[in-house]
Amino acid sequence: MVVIRLARGGSKHRPFFSIVVADKRVRRDGRFIERLGFYNPSAKDGEEGLRIAQDRLTYWKSVGAQASPTVERLIKQGAKAAA
C-alpha cells in the first residue's frame, strides 16, 4: 500500500519533516516515491511552516494513497491558512 506520511529530518531538538509518498513497508526515513512538501513545527513568524503541492496530493489520493492522521491534520491546517 502507498501512504502519504512524514519523514523526519533536522537535528536534535530542531525537527523538520518532509511530506512524502512512500510504500508502507519502508522505514519512516527511508526510500520514498515523491516528496510533496514540508512541515517545520519550529518555524518563526516570518518563516514558512507548511508547504504542500496540492496538485500532486490530489493525484496521489486519486490513485489510492492513504494519508496518515498527522498528514490529514496538516492538510486541513494548510487549507484553512490558504483560505
N, C-alpha and C. Protein backbone atom coordinates (compact mmCIF):
# COMPACT_ATOMS: atom_id res chain seq x y z
N MET A 1 0.84 -1.17 0.00
CA MET A 1 0.00 0.00 0.00
C MET A 1 0.89 1.25 0.00
N VAL A 2 0.42 2.28 -0.67
CA VAL A 2 1.14 3.54 -0.73
C VAL A 2 0.53 4.51 0.28
N VAL A 3 1.38 5.16 1.07
CA VAL A 3 0.91 6.08 2.09
C VAL A 3 1.58 7.44 1.93
N ILE A 4 0.90 8.46 2.40
CA ILE A 4 1.45 9.81 2.46
C ILE A 4 1.74 10.07 3.93
N ARG A 5 3.01 10.28 4.26
CA ARG A 5 3.40 10.40 5.66
C ARG A 5 4.55 11.38 5.83
N LEU A 6 4.96 11.57 7.08
CA LEU A 6 6.06 12.47 7.39
C LEU A 6 7.36 11.68 7.49
N ALA A 7 8.45 12.26 6.98
CA ALA A 7 9.79 11.72 7.15
C ALA A 7 10.59 12.77 7.92
N ARG A 8 11.20 12.39 9.03
CA ARG A 8 11.86 13.35 9.90
C ARG A 8 13.26 13.69 9.40
N GLY A 9 13.57 14.97 9.52
CA GLY A 9 14.90 15.46 9.22
C GLY A 9 15.28 16.45 10.29
N GLY A 10 16.29 17.24 10.04
CA GLY A 10 16.72 18.22 11.03
C GLY A 10 17.68 17.61 12.02
N SER A 11 17.94 18.36 13.08
CA SER A 11 18.87 17.88 14.10
C SER A 11 18.14 17.67 15.41
N LYS A 12 18.88 17.31 16.45
CA LYS A 12 18.27 17.11 17.76
C LYS A 12 17.58 18.38 18.22
N HIS A 13 16.39 18.23 18.73
CA HIS A 13 15.59 19.32 19.28
C HIS A 13 15.21 20.39 18.25
N ARG A 14 15.47 20.15 16.97
CA ARG A 14 15.05 21.05 15.89
C ARG A 14 14.48 20.22 14.75
N PRO A 15 13.29 19.64 14.94
CA PRO A 15 12.74 18.75 13.92
C PRO A 15 12.32 19.49 12.66
N PHE A 16 12.40 18.79 11.55
CA PHE A 16 11.94 19.28 10.25
C PHE A 16 11.40 18.05 9.53
N PHE A 17 10.19 18.14 9.00
CA PHE A 17 9.56 16.98 8.40
C PHE A 17 9.29 17.20 6.92
N SER A 18 9.58 16.20 6.12
CA SER A 18 9.18 16.20 4.72
C SER A 18 7.89 15.40 4.60
N ILE A 19 6.98 15.87 3.78
CA ILE A 19 5.74 15.14 3.50
C ILE A 19 6.02 14.33 2.25
N VAL A 20 6.03 13.00 2.38
CA VAL A 20 6.44 12.12 1.29
C VAL A 20 5.39 11.07 0.98
N VAL A 21 5.47 10.55 -0.24
CA VAL A 21 4.68 9.40 -0.65
C VAL A 21 5.63 8.21 -0.63
N ALA A 22 5.26 7.18 0.12
CA ALA A 22 6.16 6.03 0.27
C ALA A 22 5.36 4.74 0.37
N ASP A 23 6.05 3.64 0.15
CA ASP A 23 5.45 2.32 0.38
C ASP A 23 5.35 2.13 1.88
N LYS A 24 4.27 1.54 2.34
CA LYS A 24 4.03 1.37 3.77
C LYS A 24 5.09 0.51 4.44
N ARG A 25 5.71 -0.40 3.69
CA ARG A 25 6.68 -1.33 4.27
C ARG A 25 8.06 -0.73 4.49
N VAL A 26 8.32 0.44 3.90
CA VAL A 26 9.63 1.08 4.03
C VAL A 26 9.69 1.87 5.32
N ARG A 27 10.86 1.90 5.95
CA ARG A 27 11.01 2.61 7.23
C ARG A 27 10.72 4.10 7.09
N ARG A 28 10.47 4.75 8.20
CA ARG A 28 10.00 6.15 8.23
C ARG A 28 10.88 7.10 7.43
N ASP A 29 12.18 7.06 7.62
CA ASP A 29 13.08 7.99 6.95
C ASP A 29 13.78 7.36 5.75
N GLY A 30 13.27 6.24 5.28
CA GLY A 30 13.90 5.52 4.19
C GLY A 30 13.48 6.01 2.82
N ARG A 31 13.55 5.10 1.87
CA ARG A 31 13.24 5.42 0.47
C ARG A 31 11.81 5.88 0.31
N PHE A 32 11.60 6.86 -0.54
CA PHE A 32 10.26 7.35 -0.81
C PHE A 32 10.08 7.52 -2.31
N ILE A 33 8.82 7.63 -2.75
CA ILE A 33 8.50 7.75 -4.16
C ILE A 33 8.58 9.20 -4.62
N GLU A 34 7.96 10.10 -3.83
CA GLU A 34 7.93 11.51 -4.20
C GLU A 34 7.80 12.37 -2.96
N ARG A 35 8.44 13.53 -2.97
CA ARG A 35 8.33 14.49 -1.88
C ARG A 35 7.27 15.52 -2.27
N LEU A 36 6.25 15.67 -1.42
CA LEU A 36 5.14 16.56 -1.73
C LEU A 36 5.27 17.93 -1.07
N GLY A 37 6.05 18.05 -0.03
CA GLY A 37 6.18 19.31 0.66
C GLY A 37 6.94 19.14 1.95
N PHE A 38 6.75 20.11 2.86
CA PHE A 38 7.45 20.05 4.13
C PHE A 38 6.59 20.65 5.24
N TYR A 39 6.98 20.32 6.48
CA TYR A 39 6.35 20.88 7.67
C TYR A 39 7.47 21.22 8.65
N ASN A 40 7.50 22.49 9.08
CA ASN A 40 8.50 22.95 10.02
C ASN A 40 7.79 23.40 11.29
N PRO A 41 7.72 22.53 12.32
CA PRO A 41 6.96 22.88 13.52
C PRO A 41 7.61 24.00 14.34
N SER A 42 8.89 24.26 14.14
CA SER A 42 9.56 25.31 14.91
C SER A 42 9.76 26.58 14.09
N ALA A 43 8.91 26.80 13.07
CA ALA A 43 9.02 28.00 12.24
C ALA A 43 8.68 29.24 13.04
N LYS A 44 9.46 30.28 12.83
CA LYS A 44 9.19 31.56 13.50
C LYS A 44 8.15 32.32 12.69
N ASP A 45 7.85 33.55 13.10
CA ASP A 45 6.80 34.34 12.48
C ASP A 45 7.02 34.58 11.00
N GLY A 46 8.22 34.92 10.59
CA GLY A 46 8.49 35.24 9.19
C GLY A 46 8.72 34.04 8.30
N GLU A 47 8.93 32.88 8.87
CA GLU A 47 9.26 31.69 8.10
C GLU A 47 8.00 30.93 7.69
N GLU A 48 8.14 30.21 6.58
CA GLU A 48 7.04 29.37 6.11
C GLU A 48 7.08 28.05 6.89
N GLY A 49 5.97 27.68 7.50
CA GLY A 49 5.93 26.49 8.32
C GLY A 49 5.39 25.25 7.63
N LEU A 50 4.62 25.45 6.56
CA LEU A 50 3.98 24.32 5.89
C LEU A 50 3.83 24.62 4.41
N ARG A 51 4.24 23.67 3.57
CA ARG A 51 4.02 23.79 2.13
C ARG A 51 3.67 22.40 1.60
N ILE A 52 2.58 22.34 0.85
CA ILE A 52 2.14 21.08 0.24
C ILE A 52 1.79 21.35 -1.21
N ALA A 53 2.27 20.51 -2.12
CA ALA A 53 1.92 20.62 -3.54
C ALA A 53 0.53 20.00 -3.71
N GLN A 54 -0.50 20.84 -3.78
CA GLN A 54 -1.88 20.37 -3.81
C GLN A 54 -2.19 19.52 -5.04
N ASP A 55 -1.63 19.86 -6.20
CA ASP A 55 -1.91 19.09 -7.40
C ASP A 55 -1.39 17.66 -7.28
N ARG A 56 -0.18 17.51 -6.73
CA ARG A 56 0.39 16.16 -6.57
C ARG A 56 -0.34 15.39 -5.46
N LEU A 57 -0.77 16.10 -4.42
CA LEU A 57 -1.53 15.46 -3.35
C LEU A 57 -2.84 14.91 -3.89
N THR A 58 -3.52 15.69 -4.71
CA THR A 58 -4.77 15.25 -5.32
C THR A 58 -4.54 14.04 -6.21
N TYR A 59 -3.45 14.06 -6.97
CA TYR A 59 -3.13 12.92 -7.84
C TYR A 59 -2.93 11.65 -7.02
N TRP A 60 -2.10 11.72 -5.99
CA TRP A 60 -1.80 10.51 -5.22
C TRP A 60 -3.02 9.98 -4.49
N LYS A 61 -3.88 10.87 -4.01
CA LYS A 61 -5.11 10.40 -3.37
C LYS A 61 -6.04 9.76 -4.39
N SER A 62 -6.02 10.26 -5.64
CA SER A 62 -6.90 9.69 -6.68
C SER A 62 -6.47 8.29 -7.09
N VAL A 63 -5.19 7.97 -6.94
CA VAL A 63 -4.73 6.63 -7.30
C VAL A 63 -4.68 5.70 -6.10
N GLY A 64 -5.20 6.15 -4.94
CA GLY A 64 -5.39 5.25 -3.81
C GLY A 64 -4.44 5.40 -2.65
N ALA A 65 -3.59 6.41 -2.63
CA ALA A 65 -2.68 6.59 -1.50
C ALA A 65 -3.46 7.06 -0.28
N GLN A 66 -3.12 6.52 0.88
CA GLN A 66 -3.78 6.87 2.13
C GLN A 66 -2.88 7.82 2.93
N ALA A 67 -3.43 8.91 3.40
CA ALA A 67 -2.66 9.86 4.21
C ALA A 67 -2.71 9.43 5.67
N SER A 68 -1.60 9.63 6.38
CA SER A 68 -1.57 9.33 7.81
C SER A 68 -2.43 10.35 8.54
N PRO A 69 -2.85 10.05 9.76
CA PRO A 69 -3.68 11.01 10.51
C PRO A 69 -3.01 12.37 10.69
N THR A 70 -1.71 12.38 10.93
CA THR A 70 -0.99 13.64 11.10
C THR A 70 -0.98 14.44 9.81
N VAL A 71 -0.76 13.77 8.70
CA VAL A 71 -0.75 14.46 7.41
C VAL A 71 -2.15 14.98 7.09
N GLU A 72 -3.20 14.23 7.42
CA GLU A 72 -4.57 14.71 7.22
C GLU A 72 -4.80 16.00 8.00
N ARG A 73 -4.32 16.04 9.23
CA ARG A 73 -4.45 17.24 10.05
C ARG A 73 -3.70 18.41 9.43
N LEU A 74 -2.52 18.17 8.91
CA LEU A 74 -1.74 19.23 8.27
C LEU A 74 -2.40 19.72 6.98
N ILE A 75 -3.02 18.82 6.23
CA ILE A 75 -3.71 19.21 5.01
C ILE A 75 -4.86 20.16 5.35
N LYS A 76 -5.62 19.82 6.37
CA LYS A 76 -6.72 20.68 6.81
C LYS A 76 -6.19 22.02 7.30
N GLN A 77 -5.09 21.99 8.03
CA GLN A 77 -4.48 23.23 8.54
C GLN A 77 -3.99 24.10 7.39
N GLY A 78 -3.42 23.48 6.36
CA GLY A 78 -2.94 24.23 5.20
C GLY A 78 -4.09 24.82 4.39
N ALA A 79 -5.18 24.09 4.27
CA ALA A 79 -6.34 24.59 3.55
C ALA A 79 -6.97 25.77 4.28
N LYS A 80 -7.00 25.69 5.60
CA LYS A 80 -7.55 26.77 6.39
C LYS A 80 -6.69 28.03 6.28
N ALA A 81 -5.37 27.86 6.26
CA ALA A 81 -4.46 29.00 6.15
C ALA A 81 -4.53 29.64 4.77
N ALA A 82 -4.77 28.83 3.73
CA ALA A 82 -4.85 29.35 2.37
C ALA A 82 -6.15 30.10 2.12
N ALA A 83 -7.18 29.76 2.85
CA ALA A 83 -8.50 30.41 2.66
C ALA A 83 -8.60 31.77 3.32
